[in-house]
Amino acid sequence: MINPSLLSVFIPTFFMVSLTPGMCMTLSMVLGMTVGVRRALWMMIGELLGVGLVAAAAGGGVATLMLRQPALFAIFKWLGGAYLAWLGWQMWRSRGRMAIPDEPRAARDVSRGQLFVQGFVTAVANPKGWAFFIALLPPFLDARLALAPQLSWLVGMILSIELCCLLLYAVGGRTASHLLSRSGNVRLLNRIAGTLMVGVGAWLALG
């Protein structure tokens, strides 16, 4: 169990950090625009799994070792960034499975696995995320108590807060999609979403 006084600091701190626009939140907004909130949940599952893995590794000290292998991070984040940028370029051209179709009822058959992988890679391949959890978690862990229960509580709260923020961004993206679609600006919406996706890919690769 975590000290309530520590929780009163941890929860608002992480909520504000999570709510700040970043790669995962931008990706959630883009998918809310293009595939809808319900479909975007598959990306969120992957992202939450990645965040949970990074947070648990950081709390257990594994992240320090991971950050000493920059070559592995470089390969992983470049591949992930290139993939997201390619998807964004396809969307910008109103092509590919993730682009918003001109016909409102046209099917978008982007796979659940593809969405899951996008979320997972974006969360795990970000070295700044690892460094952030290394800095954030230790002050809230009591060395006199068992590590596993404390870490379980903190990771559970992190994932709950992260999910709330992802849903907020996805709903915001979906709302923007409806507004632009009604005015016949589907191509513009695809270009906005595609540009954001390319930005996420570049952010991941070059960050």
N, C-alpha and C. Protein backbone atom coordinates (compact mmCIF):
# COMPACT_ATOMS: atom_id res chain seq x y z
N MET A 1 0.85 -1.19 0.00
CA MET A 1 0.00 0.00 0.00
C MET A 1 0.89 1.24 0.00
N ILE A 2 0.44 2.29 -0.67
CA ILE A 2 1.19 3.54 -0.77
C ILE A 2 0.65 4.53 0.26
N ASN A 3 1.55 5.29 0.83
CA ASN A 3 1.17 6.33 1.78
C ASN A 3 0.19 7.30 1.12
N PRO A 4 -0.98 7.58 1.73
CA PRO A 4 -1.97 8.49 1.12
C PRO A 4 -1.41 9.87 0.82
N SER A 5 -0.51 10.36 1.66
CA SER A 5 0.07 11.68 1.41
C SER A 5 0.90 11.68 0.14
N LEU A 6 1.56 10.55 -0.15
CA LEU A 6 2.33 10.45 -1.40
C LEU A 6 1.39 10.36 -2.60
N LEU A 7 0.28 9.65 -2.43
CA LEU A 7 -0.68 9.54 -3.52
C LEU A 7 -1.27 10.90 -3.88
N SER A 8 -1.49 11.74 -2.88
CA SER A 8 -2.06 13.06 -3.14
C SER A 8 -1.14 13.93 -3.99
N VAL A 9 0.13 13.57 -4.00
CA VAL A 9 1.09 14.28 -4.85
C VAL A 9 1.26 13.55 -6.18
N PHE A 10 1.32 12.22 -6.12
CA PHE A 10 1.59 11.42 -7.31
C PHE A 10 0.48 11.55 -8.35
N ILE A 11 -0.79 11.43 -7.92
CA ILE A 11 -1.90 11.41 -8.87
C ILE A 11 -2.00 12.70 -9.69
N PRO A 12 -2.05 13.89 -9.05
CA PRO A 12 -2.13 15.11 -9.88
C PRO A 12 -0.87 15.35 -10.71
N THR A 13 0.29 14.92 -10.18
CA THR A 13 1.53 15.10 -10.94
C THR A 13 1.50 14.28 -12.22
N PHE A 14 1.17 13.01 -12.10
CA PHE A 14 1.16 12.17 -13.29
C PHE A 14 0.01 12.53 -14.23
N PHE A 15 -1.12 12.96 -13.68
CA PHE A 15 -2.23 13.35 -14.53
C PHE A 15 -1.86 14.53 -15.43
N MET A 16 -1.19 15.52 -14.85
CA MET A 16 -0.79 16.69 -15.64
C MET A 16 0.25 16.30 -16.68
N VAL A 17 1.17 15.42 -16.31
CA VAL A 17 2.19 14.97 -17.27
C VAL A 17 1.54 14.18 -18.39
N SER A 18 0.63 13.29 -18.05
CA SER A 18 -0.02 12.44 -19.04
C SER A 18 -0.91 13.26 -19.97
N LEU A 19 -1.54 14.28 -19.45
CA LEU A 19 -2.45 15.11 -20.24
C LEU A 19 -1.71 16.00 -21.23
N THR A 20 -0.44 16.25 -20.96
CA THR A 20 0.36 17.09 -21.86
C THR A 20 0.48 16.42 -23.22
N PRO A 21 0.27 17.17 -24.32
CA PRO A 21 0.38 16.56 -25.66
C PRO A 21 1.74 15.90 -25.87
N GLY A 22 1.72 14.68 -26.31
CA GLY A 22 2.94 13.92 -26.59
C GLY A 22 2.67 12.94 -27.70
N MET A 23 3.60 12.03 -27.92
CA MET A 23 3.45 11.08 -29.03
C MET A 23 2.20 10.22 -28.89
N CYS A 24 2.01 9.63 -27.72
CA CYS A 24 0.88 8.71 -27.54
C CYS A 24 -0.45 9.44 -27.60
N MET A 25 -0.52 10.63 -27.01
CA MET A 25 -1.77 11.38 -27.03
C MET A 25 -2.10 11.86 -28.44
N THR A 26 -1.08 12.29 -29.18
CA THR A 26 -1.30 12.70 -30.57
C THR A 26 -1.77 11.52 -31.41
N LEU A 27 -1.16 10.37 -31.20
CA LEU A 27 -1.58 9.17 -31.93
C LEU A 27 -3.03 8.82 -31.60
N SER A 28 -3.42 8.94 -30.35
CA SER A 28 -4.80 8.66 -29.96
C SER A 28 -5.76 9.63 -30.64
N MET A 29 -5.39 10.89 -30.72
CA MET A 29 -6.24 11.88 -31.38
C MET A 29 -6.38 11.58 -32.87
N VAL A 30 -5.27 11.21 -33.51
CA VAL A 30 -5.31 10.88 -34.94
C VAL A 30 -6.22 9.69 -35.19
N LEU A 31 -6.09 8.66 -34.38
CA LEU A 31 -6.92 7.47 -34.58
C LEU A 31 -8.38 7.74 -34.25
N GLY A 32 -8.62 8.63 -33.27
CA GLY A 32 -10.00 9.04 -33.02
C GLY A 32 -10.60 9.70 -34.25
N MET A 33 -9.78 10.49 -34.97
CA MET A 33 -10.24 11.14 -36.20
C MET A 33 -10.54 10.12 -37.30
N THR A 34 -9.65 9.14 -37.44
CA THR A 34 -9.69 8.30 -38.64
C THR A 34 -10.47 6.99 -38.47
N VAL A 35 -10.26 6.29 -37.37
CA VAL A 35 -10.92 4.98 -37.22
C VAL A 35 -11.98 4.97 -36.13
N GLY A 36 -12.08 6.05 -35.38
CA GLY A 36 -13.10 6.12 -34.33
C GLY A 36 -12.57 5.71 -32.98
N VAL A 37 -13.25 6.15 -31.94
CA VAL A 37 -12.80 5.91 -30.56
C VAL A 37 -12.81 4.42 -30.23
N ARG A 38 -13.87 3.72 -30.61
CA ARG A 38 -13.97 2.30 -30.26
C ARG A 38 -12.83 1.50 -30.91
N ARG A 39 -12.55 1.76 -32.17
CA ARG A 39 -11.47 1.04 -32.86
C ARG A 39 -10.11 1.44 -32.28
N ALA A 40 -9.98 2.70 -31.88
CA ALA A 40 -8.71 3.18 -31.33
C ALA A 40 -8.38 2.53 -29.98
N LEU A 41 -9.36 1.91 -29.36
CA LEU A 41 -9.10 1.22 -28.09
C LEU A 41 -8.03 0.15 -28.24
N TRP A 42 -7.91 -0.44 -29.43
CA TRP A 42 -6.88 -1.46 -29.63
C TRP A 42 -5.48 -0.84 -29.57
N MET A 43 -5.34 0.36 -30.10
CA MET A 43 -4.07 1.07 -29.95
C MET A 43 -3.80 1.37 -28.48
N MET A 44 -4.86 1.77 -27.77
CA MET A 44 -4.71 2.11 -26.36
C MET A 44 -4.28 0.90 -25.54
N ILE A 45 -4.81 -0.27 -25.87
CA ILE A 45 -4.40 -1.48 -25.16
C ILE A 45 -2.90 -1.71 -25.34
N GLY A 46 -2.43 -1.59 -26.58
CA GLY A 46 -1.00 -1.75 -26.83
C GLY A 46 -0.17 -0.70 -26.13
N GLU A 47 -0.65 0.54 -26.14
CA GLU A 47 0.08 1.62 -25.50
C GLU A 47 0.14 1.43 -24.00
N LEU A 48 -0.97 1.01 -23.40
CA LEU A 48 -1.00 0.79 -21.96
C LEU A 48 -0.10 -0.37 -21.55
N LEU A 49 -0.07 -1.41 -22.37
CA LEU A 49 0.84 -2.52 -22.10
C LEU A 49 2.29 -2.04 -22.14
N GLY A 50 2.60 -1.21 -23.13
CA GLY A 50 3.96 -0.67 -23.23
C GLY A 50 4.30 0.23 -22.06
N VAL A 51 3.38 1.10 -21.68
CA VAL A 51 3.62 2.00 -20.55
C VAL A 51 3.78 1.21 -19.26
N GLY A 52 2.93 0.20 -19.07
CA GLY A 52 3.04 -0.63 -17.88
C GLY A 52 4.37 -1.35 -17.82
N LEU A 53 4.84 -1.85 -18.96
CA LEU A 53 6.13 -2.52 -19.02
C LEU A 53 7.26 -1.58 -18.68
N VAL A 54 7.22 -0.38 -19.26
CA VAL A 54 8.28 0.61 -18.99
C VAL A 54 8.27 1.04 -17.53
N ALA A 55 7.07 1.29 -16.99
CA ALA A 55 6.97 1.72 -15.59
C ALA A 55 7.46 0.64 -14.64
N ALA A 56 7.07 -0.60 -14.89
CA ALA A 56 7.50 -1.70 -14.02
C ALA A 56 9.01 -1.89 -14.11
N ALA A 57 9.56 -1.79 -15.32
CA ALA A 57 11.01 -1.93 -15.50
C ALA A 57 11.75 -0.80 -14.81
N ALA A 58 11.20 0.41 -14.91
CA ALA A 58 11.84 1.56 -14.27
C ALA A 58 11.84 1.40 -12.74
N GLY A 59 10.69 0.98 -12.21
CA GLY A 59 10.60 0.78 -10.77
C GLY A 59 11.50 -0.33 -10.28
N GLY A 60 11.72 -1.34 -11.12
CA GLY A 60 12.57 -2.45 -10.73
C GLY A 60 14.04 -2.25 -11.04
N GLY A 61 14.38 -1.11 -11.63
CA GLY A 61 15.78 -0.82 -11.93
C GLY A 61 16.26 -1.34 -13.26
N VAL A 62 15.40 -2.05 -14.00
CA VAL A 62 15.81 -2.61 -15.29
C VAL A 62 16.03 -1.51 -16.31
N ALA A 63 15.28 -0.41 -16.20
CA ALA A 63 15.38 0.65 -17.19
C ALA A 63 16.77 1.27 -17.25
N THR A 64 17.44 1.32 -16.12
CA THR A 64 18.80 1.87 -16.11
C THR A 64 19.70 1.07 -17.05
N LEU A 65 19.54 -0.25 -17.00
CA LEU A 65 20.33 -1.10 -17.89
C LEU A 65 19.91 -0.89 -19.35
N MET A 66 18.61 -0.74 -19.60
CA MET A 66 18.12 -0.55 -20.96
C MET A 66 18.67 0.72 -21.58
N LEU A 67 18.74 1.78 -20.78
CA LEU A 67 19.20 3.05 -21.30
C LEU A 67 20.70 3.03 -21.60
N ARG A 68 21.39 2.01 -21.11
CA ARG A 68 22.82 1.87 -21.43
C ARG A 68 23.04 1.14 -22.75
N GLN A 69 21.96 0.78 -23.42
CA GLN A 69 22.04 0.12 -24.73
C GLN A 69 21.41 1.03 -25.79
N PRO A 70 22.02 2.18 -26.07
CA PRO A 70 21.40 3.14 -27.00
C PRO A 70 21.22 2.59 -28.40
N ALA A 71 22.05 1.64 -28.81
CA ALA A 71 21.93 1.09 -30.17
C ALA A 71 20.61 0.36 -30.34
N LEU A 72 20.19 -0.38 -29.31
CA LEU A 72 18.91 -1.09 -29.38
C LEU A 72 17.75 -0.11 -29.50
N PHE A 73 17.80 0.95 -28.70
CA PHE A 73 16.76 1.96 -28.77
C PHE A 73 16.74 2.63 -30.14
N ALA A 74 17.92 2.93 -30.66
CA ALA A 74 18.00 3.62 -31.95
C ALA A 74 17.33 2.80 -33.05
N ILE A 75 17.64 1.50 -33.10
CA ILE A 75 17.06 0.63 -34.12
C ILE A 75 15.54 0.56 -33.95
N PHE A 76 15.10 0.34 -32.71
CA PHE A 76 13.69 0.16 -32.44
C PHE A 76 12.90 1.42 -32.77
N LYS A 77 13.40 2.57 -32.33
CA LYS A 77 12.64 3.80 -32.53
C LYS A 77 12.68 4.26 -33.98
N TRP A 78 13.76 3.99 -34.71
CA TRP A 78 13.81 4.35 -36.12
C TRP A 78 12.83 3.52 -36.94
N LEU A 79 12.78 2.22 -36.66
CA LEU A 79 11.82 1.37 -37.36
C LEU A 79 10.38 1.79 -37.05
N GLY A 80 10.11 2.01 -35.77
CA GLY A 80 8.77 2.43 -35.38
C GLY A 80 8.40 3.78 -35.96
N GLY A 81 9.34 4.72 -35.93
CA GLY A 81 9.09 6.05 -36.48
C GLY A 81 8.85 6.02 -37.97
N ALA A 82 9.63 5.22 -38.70
CA ALA A 82 9.47 5.12 -40.15
C ALA A 82 8.11 4.53 -40.50
N TYR A 83 7.67 3.53 -39.72
CA TYR A 83 6.38 2.91 -39.98
C TYR A 83 5.24 3.90 -39.78
N LEU A 84 5.29 4.66 -38.68
CA LEU A 84 4.23 5.63 -38.42
C LEU A 84 4.25 6.75 -39.46
N ALA A 85 5.44 7.18 -39.88
CA ALA A 85 5.53 8.22 -40.90
C ALA A 85 4.96 7.74 -42.23
N TRP A 86 5.21 6.48 -42.58
CA TRP A 86 4.66 5.91 -43.82
C TRP A 86 3.14 5.89 -43.76
N LEU A 87 2.59 5.48 -42.62
CA LEU A 87 1.13 5.50 -42.47
C LEU A 87 0.58 6.91 -42.61
N GLY A 88 1.29 7.88 -42.03
CA GLY A 88 0.86 9.27 -42.12
C GLY A 88 0.87 9.77 -43.56
N TRP A 89 1.89 9.40 -44.32
CA TRP A 89 1.97 9.80 -45.73
C TRP A 89 0.81 9.21 -46.52
N GLN A 90 0.47 7.97 -46.25
CA GLN A 90 -0.67 7.34 -46.91
C GLN A 90 -1.96 8.08 -46.58
N MET A 91 -2.11 8.44 -45.32
CA MET A 91 -3.31 9.16 -44.90
C MET A 91 -3.37 10.53 -45.56
N TRP A 92 -2.22 11.19 -45.64
CA TRP A 92 -2.16 12.54 -46.24
C TRP A 92 -2.63 12.49 -47.68
N ARG A 93 -2.36 11.36 -48.36
CA ARG A 93 -2.77 11.19 -49.75
C ARG A 93 -4.16 10.58 -49.86
N SER A 94 -4.86 10.46 -48.72
CA SER A 94 -6.19 9.85 -48.67
C SER A 94 -6.17 8.42 -49.19
N ARG A 95 -5.08 7.71 -48.88
CA ARG A 95 -4.95 6.32 -49.28
C ARG A 95 -4.67 5.48 -48.05
N GLY A 96 -4.72 4.17 -48.25
CA GLY A 96 -4.43 3.27 -47.14
C GLY A 96 -5.66 2.99 -46.29
N ARG A 97 -5.52 2.00 -45.45
CA ARG A 97 -6.66 1.55 -44.64
C ARG A 97 -7.06 2.53 -43.55
N MET A 98 -6.15 3.41 -43.14
CA MET A 98 -6.46 4.31 -42.05
C MET A 98 -7.01 5.64 -42.51
N ALA A 99 -6.97 5.91 -43.81
CA ALA A 99 -7.50 7.17 -44.32
C ALA A 99 -9.02 7.19 -44.18
N ILE A 100 -9.56 8.37 -43.97
CA ILE A 100 -11.01 8.54 -43.87
C ILE A 100 -11.59 8.48 -45.28
N PRO A 101 -12.53 7.58 -45.55
CA PRO A 101 -13.07 7.45 -46.91
C PRO A 101 -13.99 8.62 -47.26
N ASP A 102 -14.10 8.89 -48.56
CA ASP A 102 -15.00 9.94 -49.02
C ASP A 102 -16.46 9.57 -48.74
N GLU A 103 -16.75 8.29 -48.83
CA GLU A 103 -18.10 7.82 -48.53
C GLU A 103 -18.20 7.48 -47.05
N PRO A 104 -19.09 8.12 -46.30
CA PRO A 104 -19.16 7.90 -44.85
C PRO A 104 -19.31 6.45 -44.43
N ARG A 105 -19.96 5.61 -45.27
CA ARG A 105 -20.20 4.23 -44.88
C ARG A 105 -19.13 3.27 -45.39
N ALA A 106 -18.13 3.81 -46.07
CA ALA A 106 -17.08 2.93 -46.59
C ALA A 106 -16.33 2.29 -45.45
N ALA A 107 -16.00 1.03 -45.59
CA ALA A 107 -15.37 0.28 -44.49
C ALA A 107 -13.89 0.60 -44.39
N ARG A 108 -13.39 0.66 -43.18
CA ARG A 108 -11.96 0.81 -42.93
C ARG A 108 -11.53 -0.45 -42.19
N ASP A 109 -10.78 -1.28 -42.90
CA ASP A 109 -10.47 -2.60 -42.35
C ASP A 109 -9.08 -2.67 -41.73
N VAL A 110 -8.61 -1.56 -41.17
CA VAL A 110 -7.33 -1.60 -40.47
C VAL A 110 -7.44 -2.63 -39.34
N SER A 111 -6.44 -3.48 -39.23
CA SER A 111 -6.53 -4.60 -38.30
C SER A 111 -6.32 -4.17 -36.86
N ARG A 112 -6.88 -4.95 -35.96
CA ARG A 112 -6.68 -4.69 -34.53
C ARG A 112 -5.22 -4.86 -34.16
N GLY A 113 -4.59 -5.87 -34.76
CA GLY A 113 -3.18 -6.10 -34.47
C GLY A 113 -2.31 -4.93 -34.87
N GLN A 114 -2.61 -4.32 -36.02
CA GLN A 114 -1.85 -3.17 -36.47
C GLN A 114 -1.98 -2.01 -35.49
N LEU A 115 -3.18 -1.78 -35.03
CA LEU A 115 -3.41 -0.70 -34.06
C LEU A 115 -2.70 -1.01 -32.74
N PHE A 116 -2.77 -2.25 -32.30
CA PHE A 116 -2.11 -2.65 -31.06
C PHE A 116 -0.60 -2.41 -31.15
N VAL A 117 0.00 -2.81 -32.26
CA VAL A 117 1.44 -2.66 -32.44
C VAL A 117 1.84 -1.18 -32.46
N GLN A 118 1.03 -0.35 -33.10
CA GLN A 118 1.32 1.08 -33.12
C GLN A 118 1.42 1.64 -31.70
N GLY A 119 0.45 1.30 -30.88
CA GLY A 119 0.46 1.80 -29.51
C GLY A 119 1.62 1.28 -28.70
N PHE A 120 1.88 -0.02 -28.83
CA PHE A 120 2.96 -0.64 -28.05
C PHE A 120 4.32 -0.07 -28.43
N VAL A 121 4.59 0.01 -29.74
CA VAL A 121 5.88 0.52 -30.20
C VAL A 121 6.08 1.98 -29.79
N THR A 122 5.03 2.78 -29.93
CA THR A 122 5.14 4.20 -29.58
C THR A 122 5.48 4.37 -28.10
N ALA A 123 4.93 3.52 -27.24
CA ALA A 123 5.19 3.64 -25.80
C ALA A 123 6.57 3.12 -25.42
N VAL A 124 6.95 1.97 -25.98
CA VAL A 124 8.18 1.30 -25.54
C VAL A 124 9.42 1.89 -26.20
N ALA A 125 9.29 2.41 -27.42
CA ALA A 125 10.47 2.87 -28.17
C ALA A 125 10.84 4.31 -27.86
N ASN A 126 10.25 4.88 -26.85
CA ASN A 126 10.53 6.27 -26.51
C ASN A 126 11.49 6.34 -25.31
N PRO A 127 12.76 6.63 -25.55
CA PRO A 127 13.72 6.70 -24.43
C PRO A 127 13.35 7.72 -23.37
N LYS A 128 12.67 8.79 -23.79
CA LYS A 128 12.27 9.81 -22.82
C LYS A 128 11.27 9.25 -21.82
N GLY A 129 10.44 8.30 -22.28
CA GLY A 129 9.50 7.66 -21.37
C GLY A 129 10.21 6.86 -20.30
N TRP A 130 11.24 6.12 -20.71
CA TRP A 130 12.03 5.36 -19.74
C TRP A 130 12.70 6.29 -18.74
N ALA A 131 13.32 7.34 -19.25
CA ALA A 131 14.01 8.29 -18.37
C ALA A 131 13.03 8.97 -17.42
N PHE A 132 11.83 9.27 -17.93
CA PHE A 132 10.82 9.93 -17.09
C PHE A 132 10.41 9.04 -15.92
N PHE A 133 10.16 7.76 -16.19
CA PHE A 133 9.75 6.87 -15.11
C PHE A 133 10.88 6.60 -14.12
N ILE A 134 12.11 6.59 -14.61
CA ILE A 134 13.25 6.43 -13.69
C ILE A 134 13.28 7.60 -12.70
N ALA A 135 12.96 8.80 -13.20
CA ALA A 135 12.98 9.98 -12.34
C ALA A 135 11.73 10.07 -11.46
N LEU A 136 10.59 9.61 -11.99
CA LEU A 136 9.32 9.82 -11.28
C LEU A 136 9.06 8.81 -10.18
N LEU A 137 9.31 7.53 -10.44
CA LEU A 137 8.85 6.49 -9.53
C LEU A 137 9.64 6.36 -8.22
N PRO A 138 10.98 6.39 -8.24
CA PRO A 138 11.73 6.14 -6.99
C PRO A 138 11.31 6.98 -5.78
N PRO A 139 10.99 8.28 -5.95
CA PRO A 139 10.59 9.05 -4.77
C PRO A 139 9.32 8.56 -4.10
N PHE A 140 8.52 7.78 -4.83
CA PHE A 140 7.24 7.30 -4.28
C PHE A 140 7.33 5.85 -3.79
N LEU A 141 8.52 5.28 -3.82
CA LEU A 141 8.72 3.90 -3.34
C LEU A 141 9.44 3.93 -2.00
N ASP A 142 8.91 3.19 -1.04
CA ASP A 142 9.49 3.12 0.30
C ASP A 142 10.37 1.88 0.38
N ALA A 143 11.66 2.10 0.60
CA ALA A 143 12.62 0.99 0.63
C ALA A 143 12.36 0.04 1.80
N ARG A 144 11.61 0.49 2.82
CA ARG A 144 11.34 -0.36 3.98
C ARG A 144 10.22 -1.36 3.71
N LEU A 145 9.47 -1.16 2.63
CA LEU A 145 8.32 -2.02 2.31
C LEU A 145 8.64 -2.87 1.08
N ALA A 146 7.85 -3.92 0.89
CA ALA A 146 8.03 -4.80 -0.27
C ALA A 146 7.80 -4.01 -1.55
N LEU A 147 8.66 -4.24 -2.54
CA LEU A 147 8.60 -3.47 -3.79
C LEU A 147 7.38 -3.82 -4.63
N ALA A 148 7.08 -5.11 -4.77
CA ALA A 148 6.03 -5.54 -5.70
C ALA A 148 4.66 -4.91 -5.42
N PRO A 149 4.16 -4.93 -4.16
CA PRO A 149 2.85 -4.32 -3.91
C PRO A 149 2.84 -2.82 -4.21
N GLN A 150 3.90 -2.13 -3.83
CA GLN A 150 3.96 -0.69 -4.09
C GLN A 150 3.95 -0.41 -5.59
N LEU A 151 4.76 -1.15 -6.32
CA LEU A 151 4.86 -0.95 -7.76
C LEU A 151 3.55 -1.29 -8.46
N SER A 152 2.87 -2.31 -7.95
CA SER A 152 1.58 -2.68 -8.53
C SER A 152 0.56 -1.57 -8.38
N TRP A 153 0.52 -0.96 -7.20
CA TRP A 153 -0.39 0.15 -6.98
C TRP A 153 -0.08 1.32 -7.90
N LEU A 154 1.18 1.70 -7.98
CA LEU A 154 1.58 2.85 -8.79
C LEU A 154 1.32 2.61 -10.28
N VAL A 155 1.69 1.43 -10.75
CA VAL A 155 1.47 1.12 -12.18
C VAL A 155 -0.02 1.08 -12.49
N GLY A 156 -0.82 0.54 -11.58
CA GLY A 156 -2.27 0.52 -11.77
C GLY A 156 -2.84 1.93 -11.90
N MET A 157 -2.37 2.83 -11.05
CA MET A 157 -2.85 4.22 -11.12
C MET A 157 -2.36 4.91 -12.39
N ILE A 158 -1.10 4.62 -12.77
CA ILE A 158 -0.55 5.20 -13.99
C ILE A 158 -1.39 4.80 -15.20
N LEU A 159 -1.72 3.52 -15.30
CA LEU A 159 -2.48 3.03 -16.44
C LEU A 159 -3.90 3.59 -16.45
N SER A 160 -4.50 3.74 -15.28
CA SER A 160 -5.86 4.31 -15.21
C SER A 160 -5.87 5.76 -15.68
N ILE A 161 -4.90 6.53 -15.22
CA ILE A 161 -4.80 7.95 -15.62
C ILE A 161 -4.49 8.05 -17.11
N GLU A 162 -3.57 7.21 -17.57
CA GLU A 162 -3.19 7.23 -18.98
C GLU A 162 -4.38 6.91 -19.88
N LEU A 163 -5.19 5.92 -19.49
CA LEU A 163 -6.35 5.56 -20.28
C LEU A 163 -7.35 6.71 -20.37
N CYS A 164 -7.57 7.38 -19.25
CA CYS A 164 -8.49 8.54 -19.25
C CYS A 164 -8.02 9.61 -20.23
N CYS A 165 -6.73 9.89 -20.22
CA CYS A 165 -6.19 10.93 -21.10
C CYS A 165 -6.24 10.50 -22.56
N LEU A 166 -5.94 9.23 -22.83
CA LEU A 166 -6.03 8.73 -24.20
C LEU A 166 -7.46 8.84 -24.73
N LEU A 167 -8.43 8.52 -23.90
CA LEU A 167 -9.83 8.62 -24.31
C LEU A 167 -10.23 10.07 -24.58
N LEU A 168 -9.75 10.98 -23.75
CA LEU A 168 -10.05 12.40 -23.97
C LEU A 168 -9.54 12.87 -25.33
N TYR A 169 -8.32 12.48 -25.66
CA TYR A 169 -7.74 12.88 -26.95
C TYR A 169 -8.47 12.21 -28.11
N ALA A 170 -8.81 10.94 -27.96
CA ALA A 170 -9.51 10.23 -29.03
C ALA A 170 -10.89 10.84 -29.28
N VAL A 171 -11.60 11.17 -28.20
CA VAL A 171 -12.92 11.79 -28.35
C VAL A 171 -12.79 13.16 -28.99
N GLY A 172 -11.76 13.91 -28.60
CA GLY A 172 -11.52 15.20 -29.23
C GLY A 172 -11.25 15.07 -30.72
N GLY A 173 -10.46 14.07 -31.09
CA GLY A 173 -10.19 13.84 -32.50
C GLY A 173 -11.44 13.45 -33.26
N ARG A 174 -12.27 12.61 -32.65
CA ARG A 174 -13.51 12.18 -33.30
C ARG A 174 -14.46 13.35 -33.50
N THR A 175 -14.52 14.24 -32.51
CA THR A 175 -15.37 15.42 -32.62
C THR A 175 -14.91 16.31 -33.78
N ALA A 176 -13.60 16.52 -33.89
CA ALA A 176 -13.06 17.31 -35.00
C ALA A 176 -13.37 16.65 -36.33
N SER A 177 -13.31 15.33 -36.35
CA SER A 177 -13.60 14.58 -37.58
C SER A 177 -15.04 14.82 -38.03
N HIS A 178 -15.97 14.77 -37.10
CA HIS A 178 -17.37 14.98 -37.44
C HIS A 178 -17.60 16.39 -37.97
N LEU A 179 -16.99 17.37 -37.33
CA LEU A 179 -17.18 18.76 -37.74
C LEU A 179 -16.65 19.00 -39.15
N LEU A 180 -15.45 18.48 -39.44
CA LEU A 180 -14.87 18.69 -40.76
C LEU A 180 -15.58 17.87 -41.83
N SER A 181 -16.01 16.65 -41.47
CA SER A 181 -16.68 15.80 -42.44
C SER A 181 -18.01 16.40 -42.88
N ARG A 182 -18.70 17.04 -41.98
CA ARG A 182 -19.99 17.64 -42.32
C ARG A 182 -19.83 18.76 -43.32
N SER A 183 -18.68 19.43 -43.29
CA SER A 183 -18.46 20.53 -44.23
C SER A 183 -17.82 20.04 -45.53
N GLY A 184 -17.70 18.73 -45.68
CA GLY A 184 -17.15 18.17 -46.90
C GLY A 184 -15.64 18.23 -47.00
N ASN A 185 -14.97 18.46 -45.90
CA ASN A 185 -13.51 18.60 -45.92
C ASN A 185 -12.81 17.29 -45.53
N VAL A 186 -13.22 16.19 -46.14
CA VAL A 186 -12.62 14.90 -45.81
C VAL A 186 -11.14 14.88 -46.20
N ARG A 187 -10.82 15.42 -47.38
CA ARG A 187 -9.42 15.44 -47.81
C ARG A 187 -8.57 16.26 -46.84
N LEU A 188 -9.11 17.41 -46.41
CA LEU A 188 -8.39 18.24 -45.45
C LEU A 188 -8.18 17.49 -44.15
N LEU A 189 -9.20 16.76 -43.69
CA LEU A 189 -9.10 16.00 -42.46
C LEU A 189 -8.02 14.92 -42.57
N ASN A 190 -8.00 14.24 -43.72
CA ASN A 190 -6.96 13.23 -43.95
C ASN A 190 -5.57 13.86 -43.91
N ARG A 191 -5.44 15.05 -44.46
CA ARG A 191 -4.13 15.70 -44.47
C ARG A 191 -3.71 16.16 -43.08
N ILE A 192 -4.68 16.62 -42.30
CA ILE A 192 -4.37 17.00 -40.91
C ILE A 192 -3.92 15.77 -40.13
N ALA A 193 -4.71 14.70 -40.24
CA ALA A 193 -4.39 13.47 -39.51
C ALA A 193 -3.06 12.89 -40.01
N GLY A 194 -2.85 12.91 -41.33
CA GLY A 194 -1.60 12.38 -41.88
C GLY A 194 -0.39 13.18 -41.43
N THR A 195 -0.53 14.50 -41.41
CA THR A 195 0.58 15.35 -40.96
C THR A 195 0.93 15.08 -39.50
N LEU A 196 -0.11 14.93 -38.66
CA LEU A 196 0.12 14.61 -37.25
C LEU A 196 0.80 13.26 -37.09
N MET A 197 0.37 12.28 -37.90
CA MET A 197 0.97 10.95 -37.82
C MET A 197 2.43 10.97 -38.25
N VAL A 198 2.74 11.70 -39.33
CA VAL A 198 4.13 11.85 -39.75
C VAL A 198 4.93 12.52 -38.64
N GLY A 199 4.31 13.52 -37.99
CA GLY A 199 4.98 14.19 -36.88
C GLY A 199 5.30 13.25 -35.73
N VAL A 200 4.36 12.37 -35.42
CA VAL A 200 4.60 11.38 -34.35
C VAL A 200 5.75 10.47 -34.74
N GLY A 201 5.76 10.03 -36.03
CA GLY A 201 6.84 9.17 -36.49
C GLY A 201 8.20 9.85 -36.41
N ALA A 202 8.25 11.12 -36.84
CA ALA A 202 9.52 11.85 -36.78
C ALA A 202 9.94 12.08 -35.32
N TRP A 203 8.96 12.38 -34.48
CA TRP A 203 9.23 12.60 -33.06
C TRP A 203 9.84 11.35 -32.43
N LEU A 204 9.24 10.19 -32.78
CA LEU A 204 9.73 8.94 -32.23
C LEU A 204 11.14 8.63 -32.74
N ALA A 205 11.38 8.84 -34.04
CA ALA A 205 12.66 8.48 -34.63
C ALA A 205 13.79 9.42 -34.21
N LEU A 206 13.47 10.71 -34.09
CA LEU A 206 14.52 11.70 -33.86
C LEU A 206 14.60 12.18 -32.42
N GLY A 207 13.60 11.83 -31.61
CA GLY A 207 13.56 12.33 -30.24
C GLY A 207 14.67 11.78 -29.39
